[in-house]
Amino acid sequence: MAPRKQAQTVYQLKITLRDIRPPIWRRVQVRGDVTLGHLHWVIQFAMGWTHSHLHSFSIQGIDYSMSMPGLGLDELEMRDEQPVKLSQVISGEKFKFLYLYDFGDGWEHEVLVEKVLTAESDTRYPVCIKAKRACPPEDCGGTWGYQTLLEALKDPKHPEHGFRLEWVGSSFDPEDAELDEVNELLKTIPHDTAGFNGYIP
């Protein structure tokens, strides 16, 4: 009799952009055997970022990032995220860590492990099961700059209304998290993301 295959662990994560009100967040489910490098892409696509800037994870006092030959992780005192599996750093439910995107604008995300589940055979992971509000546009100046942008967009009499509307595009809706589009993008992430450059539509 063949040995039973061990059930695959799945983490349900709530990813919340810090210091934004009303909150912007995503609830995703990811397999426990994927790496931090894989989770980087999950966060990028789930939130709506475009992988245009550096990023890092901060987990129990240790910082991780992508390998950057020429720049050197040692100079930044960061470890390579690519070989580190989620199951190696996540201790269980209620565990929290940080993901920082764009060291200039400083978008901090809190990642909360809401549940530890068993993988469903008919579910393709990663998957985003709920999402609230749209991702801020890239390079808008961090949380403070985004609030200023929203104020200008809301008020047609604002002196920067026309300029800001043209910059962000009339199709931008701060309330639309585009859940269907998110899940289409998540399907493009390979299990091993070592050579993955992303698919940005």
N, C-alpha and C. Protein backbone atom coordinates (compact mmCIF):
# COMPACT_ATOMS: atom_id res chain seq x y z
N MET A 1 0.84 -1.20 0.00
CA MET A 1 0.00 0.00 0.00
C MET A 1 0.89 1.26 0.00
N ALA A 2 0.61 2.14 -0.93
CA ALA A 2 1.43 3.35 -1.07
C ALA A 2 1.18 4.27 0.12
N PRO A 3 2.25 4.97 0.59
CA PRO A 3 2.06 5.89 1.71
C PRO A 3 1.15 7.05 1.32
N ARG A 4 0.37 7.51 2.28
CA ARG A 4 -0.53 8.63 2.00
C ARG A 4 0.27 9.91 1.83
N LYS A 5 -0.12 10.67 0.83
CA LYS A 5 0.55 11.94 0.59
C LYS A 5 0.13 12.93 1.67
N GLN A 6 1.11 13.64 2.21
CA GLN A 6 0.81 14.60 3.27
C GLN A 6 0.00 15.77 2.71
N ALA A 7 -1.04 16.17 3.45
CA ALA A 7 -1.89 17.27 3.00
C ALA A 7 -1.08 18.56 2.93
N GLN A 8 -1.32 19.32 1.88
CA GLN A 8 -0.60 20.57 1.67
C GLN A 8 -1.21 21.69 2.51
N THR A 9 -0.34 22.38 3.25
CA THR A 9 -0.79 23.52 4.07
C THR A 9 -1.03 24.74 3.19
N VAL A 10 -2.08 25.46 3.52
CA VAL A 10 -2.39 26.73 2.85
C VAL A 10 -2.55 27.80 3.92
N TYR A 11 -1.94 28.96 3.68
CA TYR A 11 -2.08 30.09 4.60
C TYR A 11 -3.06 31.10 4.02
N GLN A 12 -4.02 31.50 4.84
CA GLN A 12 -4.90 32.60 4.47
C GLN A 12 -4.32 33.87 5.07
N LEU A 13 -3.94 34.79 4.20
CA LEU A 13 -3.26 36.01 4.62
C LEU A 13 -4.12 37.23 4.34
N LYS A 14 -4.15 38.15 5.29
CA LYS A 14 -4.77 39.45 5.05
C LYS A 14 -3.65 40.47 4.92
N ILE A 15 -3.57 41.09 3.75
CA ILE A 15 -2.51 42.05 3.44
C ILE A 15 -3.14 43.44 3.48
N THR A 16 -2.70 44.25 4.42
CA THR A 16 -3.29 45.57 4.62
C THR A 16 -2.24 46.66 4.43
N LEU A 17 -2.55 47.63 3.59
CA LEU A 17 -1.66 48.78 3.40
C LEU A 17 -1.79 49.68 4.62
N ARG A 18 -0.69 49.94 5.29
CA ARG A 18 -0.73 50.68 6.55
C ARG A 18 -0.91 52.19 6.34
N ASP A 19 -1.52 52.81 7.33
CA ASP A 19 -1.68 54.28 7.39
C ASP A 19 -2.57 54.85 6.30
N ILE A 20 -3.53 54.06 5.82
CA ILE A 20 -4.51 54.54 4.83
C ILE A 20 -5.90 54.33 5.41
N ARG A 21 -6.74 55.37 5.36
CA ARG A 21 -8.13 55.27 5.80
C ARG A 21 -9.04 55.84 4.74
N PRO A 22 -10.16 55.17 4.38
CA PRO A 22 -10.53 53.81 4.74
C PRO A 22 -9.47 52.82 4.25
N PRO A 23 -9.36 51.65 4.92
CA PRO A 23 -8.27 50.72 4.62
C PRO A 23 -8.33 50.10 3.23
N ILE A 24 -7.15 49.78 2.73
CA ILE A 24 -6.98 49.06 1.46
C ILE A 24 -6.38 47.70 1.83
N TRP A 25 -7.07 46.61 1.50
CA TRP A 25 -6.55 45.30 1.89
C TRP A 25 -6.99 44.20 0.92
N ARG A 26 -6.26 43.08 1.00
CA ARG A 26 -6.55 41.89 0.20
C ARG A 26 -6.50 40.67 1.10
N ARG A 27 -7.38 39.71 0.84
CA ARG A 27 -7.35 38.43 1.55
C ARG A 27 -6.98 37.37 0.51
N VAL A 28 -5.83 36.74 0.71
CA VAL A 28 -5.34 35.76 -0.26
C VAL A 28 -5.07 34.43 0.44
N GLN A 29 -5.07 33.37 -0.36
CA GLN A 29 -4.68 32.04 0.13
C GLN A 29 -3.51 31.56 -0.71
N VAL A 30 -2.43 31.16 -0.02
CA VAL A 30 -1.21 30.72 -0.70
C VAL A 30 -0.72 29.42 -0.08
N ARG A 31 -0.08 28.61 -0.87
CA ARG A 31 0.46 27.34 -0.38
C ARG A 31 1.66 27.59 0.53
N GLY A 32 1.81 26.73 1.53
CA GLY A 32 2.89 26.89 2.48
C GLY A 32 4.26 26.55 1.95
N ASP A 33 4.30 25.82 0.80
CA ASP A 33 5.60 25.40 0.27
C ASP A 33 6.18 26.38 -0.74
N VAL A 34 5.51 27.55 -0.92
CA VAL A 34 6.08 28.56 -1.83
C VAL A 34 7.04 29.44 -1.05
N THR A 35 7.86 30.19 -1.77
CA THR A 35 8.90 31.00 -1.15
C THR A 35 8.43 32.44 -0.92
N LEU A 36 9.26 33.17 -0.19
CA LEU A 36 9.00 34.61 -0.03
C LEU A 36 9.06 35.32 -1.39
N GLY A 37 9.92 34.82 -2.28
CA GLY A 37 9.98 35.38 -3.63
C GLY A 37 8.65 35.23 -4.35
N HIS A 38 8.00 34.09 -4.16
CA HIS A 38 6.68 33.85 -4.73
C HIS A 38 5.65 34.78 -4.09
N LEU A 39 5.71 34.91 -2.77
CA LEU A 39 4.76 35.78 -2.07
C LEU A 39 4.91 37.23 -2.50
N HIS A 40 6.13 37.64 -2.84
CA HIS A 40 6.32 39.01 -3.36
C HIS A 40 5.41 39.24 -4.57
N TRP A 41 5.38 38.28 -5.49
CA TRP A 41 4.55 38.44 -6.69
C TRP A 41 3.06 38.38 -6.34
N VAL A 42 2.70 37.55 -5.37
CA VAL A 42 1.31 37.49 -4.94
C VAL A 42 0.87 38.86 -4.42
N ILE A 43 1.70 39.48 -3.60
CA ILE A 43 1.36 40.80 -3.05
C ILE A 43 1.32 41.85 -4.15
N GLN A 44 2.29 41.82 -5.04
CA GLN A 44 2.31 42.79 -6.14
C GLN A 44 1.03 42.73 -6.96
N PHE A 45 0.65 41.53 -7.39
CA PHE A 45 -0.53 41.38 -8.25
C PHE A 45 -1.83 41.57 -7.47
N ALA A 46 -1.88 41.07 -6.24
CA ALA A 46 -3.11 41.20 -5.46
C ALA A 46 -3.40 42.66 -5.13
N MET A 47 -2.36 43.40 -4.75
CA MET A 47 -2.56 44.81 -4.40
C MET A 47 -2.78 45.67 -5.63
N GLY A 48 -2.03 45.38 -6.70
CA GLY A 48 -2.13 46.20 -7.91
C GLY A 48 -0.87 46.99 -8.21
N TRP A 49 0.25 46.64 -7.58
CA TRP A 49 1.53 47.28 -7.87
C TRP A 49 2.10 46.76 -9.18
N THR A 50 3.17 47.39 -9.66
CA THR A 50 3.72 47.03 -10.97
C THR A 50 5.18 46.58 -10.92
N HIS A 51 5.70 46.20 -9.74
CA HIS A 51 7.06 45.67 -9.62
C HIS A 51 8.08 46.66 -10.19
N SER A 52 7.85 47.95 -9.93
CA SER A 52 8.72 48.99 -10.48
C SER A 52 9.78 49.47 -9.50
N HIS A 53 9.74 48.97 -8.28
CA HIS A 53 10.64 49.43 -7.23
C HIS A 53 11.15 48.26 -6.39
N LEU A 54 12.12 48.55 -5.53
CA LEU A 54 12.65 47.54 -4.62
C LEU A 54 11.62 47.22 -3.54
N HIS A 55 11.81 46.07 -2.90
CA HIS A 55 10.90 45.65 -1.84
C HIS A 55 11.69 44.86 -0.80
N SER A 56 11.07 44.65 0.35
CA SER A 56 11.68 43.80 1.37
C SER A 56 10.62 43.24 2.30
N PHE A 57 10.94 42.11 2.90
CA PHE A 57 10.12 41.54 3.97
C PHE A 57 10.86 41.73 5.28
N SER A 58 10.14 42.02 6.34
CA SER A 58 10.73 42.08 7.67
C SER A 58 9.98 41.08 8.55
N ILE A 59 10.68 40.00 8.94
CA ILE A 59 10.04 38.90 9.67
C ILE A 59 10.87 38.58 10.90
N GLN A 60 10.31 38.87 12.05
CA GLN A 60 10.96 38.62 13.34
C GLN A 60 12.40 39.16 13.38
N GLY A 61 12.54 40.39 12.96
CA GLY A 61 13.83 41.07 13.04
C GLY A 61 14.80 40.76 11.92
N ILE A 62 14.39 39.95 10.96
CA ILE A 62 15.26 39.61 9.82
C ILE A 62 14.64 40.19 8.55
N ASP A 63 15.45 40.86 7.73
CA ASP A 63 14.99 41.43 6.48
C ASP A 63 15.40 40.54 5.30
N TYR A 64 14.46 40.37 4.38
CA TYR A 64 14.69 39.56 3.18
C TYR A 64 14.34 40.39 1.95
N SER A 65 15.05 40.14 0.84
CA SER A 65 14.71 40.81 -0.41
C SER A 65 15.18 39.95 -1.57
N MET A 66 14.94 40.43 -2.78
CA MET A 66 15.39 39.70 -3.96
C MET A 66 16.89 39.85 -4.11
N SER A 67 17.50 38.87 -4.75
CA SER A 67 18.94 38.93 -5.01
C SER A 67 19.22 40.07 -5.98
N MET A 68 20.19 40.92 -5.63
CA MET A 68 20.50 42.08 -6.47
C MET A 68 21.99 42.14 -6.74
N PRO A 69 22.48 41.34 -7.69
CA PRO A 69 23.91 41.36 -8.01
C PRO A 69 24.34 42.77 -8.39
N GLY A 70 25.47 43.19 -7.86
CA GLY A 70 25.96 44.54 -8.15
C GLY A 70 25.61 45.51 -7.03
N LEU A 71 24.38 45.35 -6.49
CA LEU A 71 24.01 46.19 -5.36
C LEU A 71 24.41 45.49 -4.07
N GLY A 72 24.08 44.20 -4.01
CA GLY A 72 24.54 43.40 -2.88
C GLY A 72 23.60 43.45 -1.69
N LEU A 73 23.05 42.28 -1.33
CA LEU A 73 22.18 42.20 -0.17
C LEU A 73 22.96 42.47 1.12
N ASP A 74 24.26 42.13 1.11
CA ASP A 74 25.06 42.30 2.32
C ASP A 74 25.12 43.77 2.74
N GLU A 75 25.22 44.67 1.74
CA GLU A 75 25.29 46.09 2.05
C GLU A 75 24.01 46.57 2.73
N LEU A 76 22.88 45.98 2.35
CA LEU A 76 21.59 46.36 2.92
C LEU A 76 21.23 45.48 4.12
N GLU A 77 22.12 44.56 4.45
CA GLU A 77 21.88 43.61 5.54
C GLU A 77 20.57 42.86 5.34
N MET A 78 20.39 42.34 4.12
CA MET A 78 19.20 41.56 3.80
C MET A 78 19.58 40.17 3.32
N ARG A 79 18.72 39.22 3.62
CA ARG A 79 18.93 37.85 3.15
C ARG A 79 18.13 37.62 1.87
N ASP A 80 18.58 36.68 1.08
CA ASP A 80 17.90 36.35 -0.17
C ASP A 80 16.56 35.70 0.14
N GLU A 81 15.48 36.27 -0.42
CA GLU A 81 14.13 35.76 -0.17
C GLU A 81 13.82 34.49 -0.94
N GLN A 82 14.56 34.24 -2.02
CA GLN A 82 14.16 33.20 -2.96
C GLN A 82 14.14 31.78 -2.39
N PRO A 83 15.11 31.38 -1.57
CA PRO A 83 15.07 30.00 -1.08
C PRO A 83 14.22 29.80 0.18
N VAL A 84 13.66 30.87 0.74
CA VAL A 84 12.97 30.77 2.04
C VAL A 84 11.49 30.47 1.84
N LYS A 85 11.04 29.31 2.31
CA LYS A 85 9.64 28.93 2.17
C LYS A 85 8.80 29.57 3.28
N LEU A 86 7.53 29.82 2.96
CA LEU A 86 6.64 30.41 3.96
C LEU A 86 6.56 29.53 5.20
N SER A 87 6.52 28.23 4.99
CA SER A 87 6.41 27.31 6.12
C SER A 87 7.60 27.39 7.07
N GLN A 88 8.72 27.95 6.59
CA GLN A 88 9.91 28.09 7.43
C GLN A 88 9.85 29.32 8.34
N VAL A 89 9.05 30.30 7.96
CA VAL A 89 9.03 31.57 8.72
C VAL A 89 7.70 31.85 9.41
N ILE A 90 6.63 31.18 8.97
CA ILE A 90 5.32 31.41 9.58
C ILE A 90 5.09 30.37 10.66
N SER A 91 4.81 30.85 11.88
CA SER A 91 4.67 29.93 13.00
C SER A 91 3.24 29.46 13.21
N GLY A 92 2.26 30.15 12.65
CA GLY A 92 0.86 29.73 12.82
C GLY A 92 -0.08 30.91 12.68
N GLU A 93 -1.32 30.68 13.06
CA GLU A 93 -2.34 31.73 12.96
C GLU A 93 -2.00 32.91 13.86
N LYS A 94 -2.41 34.10 13.43
CA LYS A 94 -2.18 35.38 14.11
C LYS A 94 -0.74 35.88 13.97
N PHE A 95 0.11 35.14 13.27
CA PHE A 95 1.49 35.59 13.03
C PHE A 95 1.45 36.78 12.08
N LYS A 96 2.29 37.80 12.34
CA LYS A 96 2.33 39.01 11.51
C LYS A 96 3.75 39.30 11.05
N PHE A 97 3.86 39.87 9.87
CA PHE A 97 5.13 40.39 9.39
C PHE A 97 4.87 41.53 8.43
N LEU A 98 5.94 42.20 8.01
CA LEU A 98 5.81 43.38 7.15
C LEU A 98 6.40 43.16 5.78
N TYR A 99 5.77 43.80 4.80
CA TYR A 99 6.28 43.83 3.42
C TYR A 99 6.37 45.30 3.04
N LEU A 100 7.55 45.75 2.66
CA LEU A 100 7.76 47.15 2.27
C LEU A 100 8.01 47.21 0.77
N TYR A 101 7.26 48.08 0.10
CA TYR A 101 7.43 48.26 -1.35
C TYR A 101 7.73 49.71 -1.64
N ASP A 102 8.74 49.94 -2.49
CA ASP A 102 9.18 51.27 -2.89
C ASP A 102 9.80 51.99 -1.70
N PHE A 103 11.11 51.88 -1.58
CA PHE A 103 11.81 52.46 -0.43
C PHE A 103 11.69 53.98 -0.38
N GLY A 104 11.34 54.61 -1.51
CA GLY A 104 11.15 56.06 -1.54
C GLY A 104 9.78 56.45 -1.00
N ASP A 105 8.71 55.93 -1.62
CA ASP A 105 7.35 56.24 -1.16
C ASP A 105 7.02 55.50 0.13
N GLY A 106 7.68 54.36 0.37
CA GLY A 106 7.55 53.65 1.64
C GLY A 106 6.18 53.05 1.90
N TRP A 107 5.70 52.24 0.97
CA TRP A 107 4.40 51.58 1.17
C TRP A 107 4.57 50.36 2.08
N GLU A 108 4.12 50.47 3.31
CA GLU A 108 4.23 49.37 4.27
C GLU A 108 2.94 48.56 4.29
N HIS A 109 3.10 47.25 4.17
CA HIS A 109 1.96 46.33 4.22
C HIS A 109 2.10 45.43 5.44
N GLU A 110 1.06 45.31 6.21
CA GLU A 110 1.04 44.32 7.29
C GLU A 110 0.44 43.03 6.74
N VAL A 111 1.14 41.93 6.93
CA VAL A 111 0.66 40.63 6.48
C VAL A 111 0.29 39.82 7.72
N LEU A 112 -0.98 39.50 7.86
CA LEU A 112 -1.50 38.75 9.00
C LEU A 112 -1.92 37.36 8.55
N VAL A 113 -1.43 36.34 9.24
CA VAL A 113 -1.86 34.97 8.97
C VAL A 113 -3.19 34.76 9.69
N GLU A 114 -4.28 34.80 8.93
CA GLU A 114 -5.61 34.66 9.54
C GLU A 114 -5.94 33.20 9.86
N LYS A 115 -5.60 32.31 8.92
CA LYS A 115 -5.95 30.89 9.09
C LYS A 115 -4.87 30.02 8.49
N VAL A 116 -4.72 28.83 9.06
CA VAL A 116 -3.89 27.78 8.47
C VAL A 116 -4.85 26.68 8.03
N LEU A 117 -4.90 26.45 6.73
CA LEU A 117 -5.89 25.55 6.13
C LEU A 117 -5.21 24.37 5.44
N THR A 118 -6.03 23.44 4.99
CA THR A 118 -5.56 22.34 4.17
C THR A 118 -5.98 22.63 2.73
N ALA A 119 -5.09 22.43 1.80
CA ALA A 119 -5.37 22.74 0.39
C ALA A 119 -6.57 21.95 -0.12
N GLU A 120 -7.42 22.62 -0.87
CA GLU A 120 -8.55 21.97 -1.54
C GLU A 120 -8.09 21.50 -2.91
N SER A 121 -8.44 20.27 -3.27
CA SER A 121 -7.96 19.69 -4.54
C SER A 121 -8.49 20.44 -5.76
N ASP A 122 -9.65 21.10 -5.61
CA ASP A 122 -10.24 21.80 -6.76
C ASP A 122 -9.95 23.29 -6.77
N THR A 123 -9.03 23.75 -5.92
CA THR A 123 -8.68 25.18 -5.87
C THR A 123 -7.27 25.39 -6.38
N ARG A 124 -7.12 26.38 -7.25
CA ARG A 124 -5.79 26.73 -7.75
C ARG A 124 -5.24 27.88 -6.90
N TYR A 125 -4.07 27.64 -6.34
CA TYR A 125 -3.43 28.65 -5.49
C TYR A 125 -2.25 29.28 -6.22
N PRO A 126 -1.97 30.56 -5.94
CA PRO A 126 -2.63 31.46 -5.00
C PRO A 126 -3.97 31.97 -5.54
N VAL A 127 -4.83 32.40 -4.61
CA VAL A 127 -6.12 32.96 -5.00
C VAL A 127 -6.46 34.11 -4.06
N CYS A 128 -7.06 35.15 -4.60
CA CYS A 128 -7.52 36.28 -3.80
C CYS A 128 -9.02 36.11 -3.60
N ILE A 129 -9.47 35.99 -2.35
CA ILE A 129 -10.88 35.70 -2.10
C ILE A 129 -11.68 36.95 -1.72
N LYS A 130 -10.98 38.01 -1.32
CA LYS A 130 -11.69 39.26 -1.03
C LYS A 130 -10.72 40.42 -1.16
N ALA A 131 -11.25 41.58 -1.56
CA ALA A 131 -10.41 42.75 -1.76
C ALA A 131 -11.21 44.01 -1.48
N LYS A 132 -10.56 44.97 -0.84
CA LYS A 132 -11.21 46.25 -0.55
C LYS A 132 -10.37 47.41 -1.06
N ARG A 133 -10.96 48.20 -1.90
CA ARG A 133 -10.42 49.45 -2.44
C ARG A 133 -9.22 49.24 -3.35
N ALA A 134 -9.06 50.18 -4.26
CA ALA A 134 -8.00 50.10 -5.28
C ALA A 134 -6.64 50.43 -4.70
N CYS A 135 -5.62 49.91 -5.36
CA CYS A 135 -4.23 50.22 -5.02
C CYS A 135 -3.93 51.67 -5.41
N PRO A 136 -3.17 52.39 -4.60
CA PRO A 136 -2.75 53.73 -5.01
C PRO A 136 -1.91 53.67 -6.28
N PRO A 137 -1.91 54.72 -7.09
CA PRO A 137 -1.05 54.74 -8.28
C PRO A 137 0.42 54.76 -7.86
N GLU A 138 1.26 54.13 -8.68
CA GLU A 138 2.71 54.17 -8.43
C GLU A 138 3.21 55.62 -8.41
N ASP A 139 4.20 55.88 -7.57
CA ASP A 139 4.92 57.15 -7.55
C ASP A 139 4.03 58.36 -7.21
N CYS A 140 3.01 58.12 -6.39
CA CYS A 140 2.13 59.25 -6.04
C CYS A 140 2.56 59.92 -4.73
N GLY A 141 3.67 59.46 -4.13
CA GLY A 141 4.19 60.15 -2.96
C GLY A 141 3.86 59.50 -1.63
N GLY A 142 3.61 58.20 -1.62
CA GLY A 142 3.32 57.51 -0.36
C GLY A 142 1.94 57.81 0.16
N THR A 143 1.70 57.45 1.42
CA THR A 143 0.35 57.58 1.97
C THR A 143 -0.13 59.04 1.99
N TRP A 144 0.78 59.95 2.36
CA TRP A 144 0.40 61.37 2.40
C TRP A 144 0.07 61.87 0.99
N GLY A 145 0.92 61.52 0.02
CA GLY A 145 0.69 61.94 -1.35
C GLY A 145 -0.60 61.39 -1.92
N TYR A 146 -0.94 60.15 -1.53
CA TYR A 146 -2.17 59.54 -2.03
C TYR A 146 -3.40 60.25 -1.48
N GLN A 147 -3.37 60.60 -0.20
CA GLN A 147 -4.51 61.32 0.38
C GLN A 147 -4.69 62.68 -0.32
N THR A 148 -3.57 63.34 -0.61
CA THR A 148 -3.63 64.62 -1.33
C THR A 148 -4.21 64.43 -2.73
N LEU A 149 -3.79 63.35 -3.39
CA LEU A 149 -4.31 63.03 -4.72
C LEU A 149 -5.82 62.82 -4.68
N LEU A 150 -6.31 62.05 -3.71
CA LEU A 150 -7.74 61.78 -3.61
C LEU A 150 -8.54 63.05 -3.37
N GLU A 151 -8.00 63.94 -2.53
CA GLU A 151 -8.68 65.21 -2.26
C GLU A 151 -8.81 66.03 -3.55
N ALA A 152 -7.74 66.06 -4.34
CA ALA A 152 -7.77 66.83 -5.60
C ALA A 152 -8.74 66.21 -6.60
N LEU A 153 -8.79 64.88 -6.65
CA LEU A 153 -9.68 64.21 -7.60
C LEU A 153 -11.15 64.40 -7.24
N LYS A 154 -11.44 64.44 -5.94
CA LYS A 154 -12.83 64.55 -5.48
C LYS A 154 -13.43 65.94 -5.69
N ASP A 155 -12.57 66.96 -5.70
CA ASP A 155 -13.05 68.34 -5.72
C ASP A 155 -12.73 69.01 -7.06
N PRO A 156 -13.74 69.17 -7.92
CA PRO A 156 -13.51 69.81 -9.22
C PRO A 156 -12.97 71.23 -9.11
N LYS A 157 -13.16 71.87 -7.95
CA LYS A 157 -12.67 73.23 -7.75
C LYS A 157 -11.24 73.26 -7.20
N HIS A 158 -10.71 72.09 -6.89
CA HIS A 158 -9.34 72.02 -6.37
C HIS A 158 -8.38 72.52 -7.45
N PRO A 159 -7.39 73.36 -7.09
CA PRO A 159 -6.49 73.93 -8.10
C PRO A 159 -5.71 72.88 -8.90
N GLU A 160 -5.53 71.67 -8.35
CA GLU A 160 -4.79 70.63 -9.05
C GLU A 160 -5.69 69.55 -9.64
N HIS A 161 -7.02 69.78 -9.62
CA HIS A 161 -7.96 68.74 -10.06
C HIS A 161 -7.68 68.27 -11.49
N GLY A 162 -7.58 69.22 -12.42
CA GLY A 162 -7.37 68.87 -13.82
C GLY A 162 -6.06 68.14 -14.05
N PHE A 163 -4.99 68.66 -13.47
CA PHE A 163 -3.67 68.06 -13.62
C PHE A 163 -3.65 66.64 -13.05
N ARG A 164 -4.20 66.49 -11.83
CA ARG A 164 -4.20 65.18 -11.19
C ARG A 164 -5.05 64.17 -11.95
N LEU A 165 -6.19 64.62 -12.46
CA LEU A 165 -7.07 63.73 -13.23
C LEU A 165 -6.38 63.23 -14.48
N GLU A 166 -5.67 64.13 -15.14
CA GLU A 166 -4.94 63.75 -16.35
C GLU A 166 -3.80 62.79 -16.01
N TRP A 167 -3.12 63.03 -14.88
CA TRP A 167 -1.98 62.20 -14.49
C TRP A 167 -2.42 60.78 -14.15
N VAL A 168 -3.53 60.66 -13.40
CA VAL A 168 -3.95 59.33 -12.94
C VAL A 168 -4.82 58.61 -13.97
N GLY A 169 -5.45 59.36 -14.86
CA GLY A 169 -6.34 58.76 -15.85
C GLY A 169 -7.77 58.74 -15.36
N SER A 170 -8.69 59.05 -16.22
CA SER A 170 -10.10 59.17 -15.82
C SER A 170 -10.70 57.83 -15.42
N SER A 171 -10.03 56.72 -15.77
CA SER A 171 -10.59 55.40 -15.44
C SER A 171 -10.27 54.97 -14.01
N PHE A 172 -9.45 55.74 -13.31
CA PHE A 172 -9.07 55.34 -11.95
C PHE A 172 -10.24 55.50 -10.99
N ASP A 173 -10.59 54.40 -10.32
CA ASP A 173 -11.66 54.40 -9.33
C ASP A 173 -11.08 53.89 -8.02
N PRO A 174 -10.92 54.77 -7.02
CA PRO A 174 -10.28 54.37 -5.76
C PRO A 174 -11.05 53.29 -5.00
N GLU A 175 -12.29 53.03 -5.38
CA GLU A 175 -13.08 52.02 -4.67
C GLU A 175 -13.06 50.66 -5.36
N ASP A 176 -12.52 50.57 -6.56
CA ASP A 176 -12.58 49.33 -7.34
C ASP A 176 -11.30 48.52 -7.18
N ALA A 177 -11.40 47.39 -6.49
CA ALA A 177 -10.22 46.55 -6.24
C ALA A 177 -9.93 45.58 -7.39
N GLU A 178 -10.82 45.49 -8.38
CA GLU A 178 -10.61 44.68 -9.59
C GLU A 178 -10.24 43.23 -9.26
N LEU A 179 -11.09 42.58 -8.46
CA LEU A 179 -10.81 41.23 -7.98
C LEU A 179 -10.63 40.21 -9.11
N ASP A 180 -11.47 40.28 -10.14
CA ASP A 180 -11.35 39.32 -11.25
C ASP A 180 -10.00 39.45 -11.95
N GLU A 181 -9.57 40.68 -12.19
CA GLU A 181 -8.28 40.92 -12.85
C GLU A 181 -7.13 40.42 -11.98
N VAL A 182 -7.26 40.63 -10.67
CA VAL A 182 -6.24 40.16 -9.73
C VAL A 182 -6.06 38.66 -9.86
N ASN A 183 -7.15 37.92 -9.87
CA ASN A 183 -7.04 36.45 -9.92
C ASN A 183 -6.52 35.95 -11.26
N GLU A 184 -6.78 36.67 -12.31
CA GLU A 184 -6.19 36.30 -13.61
C GLU A 184 -4.68 36.45 -13.55
N LEU A 185 -4.20 37.52 -12.94
CA LEU A 185 -2.76 37.73 -12.81
C LEU A 185 -2.12 36.69 -11.90
N LEU A 186 -2.79 36.35 -10.81
CA LEU A 186 -2.23 35.37 -9.88
C LEU A 186 -2.00 34.02 -10.56
N LYS A 187 -2.81 33.71 -11.55
CA LYS A 187 -2.65 32.45 -12.28
C LYS A 187 -1.35 32.39 -13.08
N THR A 188 -0.76 33.55 -13.35
CA THR A 188 0.47 33.57 -14.18
C THR A 188 1.73 33.32 -13.35
N ILE A 189 1.62 33.29 -12.03
CA ILE A 189 2.81 33.13 -11.18
C ILE A 189 3.22 31.67 -11.13
N PRO A 190 4.44 31.32 -11.56
CA PRO A 190 4.89 29.93 -11.47
C PRO A 190 5.23 29.58 -10.02
N HIS A 191 5.25 28.28 -9.72
CA HIS A 191 5.60 27.84 -8.36
C HIS A 191 7.00 28.32 -8.00
N ASP A 192 7.94 28.14 -8.92
CA ASP A 192 9.31 28.61 -8.73
C ASP A 192 9.46 29.94 -9.45
N THR A 193 9.64 31.02 -8.71
CA THR A 193 9.67 32.36 -9.31
C THR A 193 11.09 32.89 -9.50
N ALA A 194 12.08 32.02 -9.38
CA ALA A 194 13.49 32.47 -9.47
C ALA A 194 13.76 33.26 -10.75
N GLY A 195 13.20 32.82 -11.89
CA GLY A 195 13.45 33.53 -13.15
C GLY A 195 12.24 34.30 -13.65
N PHE A 196 11.27 34.49 -12.80
CA PHE A 196 10.01 35.13 -13.20
C PHE A 196 10.16 36.64 -13.21
N ASN A 197 9.79 37.28 -14.30
CA ASN A 197 9.88 38.73 -14.42
C ASN A 197 8.53 39.41 -14.33
N GLY A 198 7.50 38.61 -14.19
CA GLY A 198 6.16 39.20 -14.02
C GLY A 198 5.45 39.40 -15.34
N TYR A 199 4.16 39.45 -15.23
CA TYR A 199 3.33 39.77 -16.40
C TYR A 199 2.53 40.98 -16.04
N ILE A 200 2.93 42.12 -16.55
CA ILE A 200 2.20 43.36 -16.29
C ILE A 200 1.44 43.73 -17.56
N PRO A 201 0.11 43.73 -17.50
CA PRO A 201 -0.67 44.01 -18.72
C PRO A 201 -0.49 45.44 -19.21
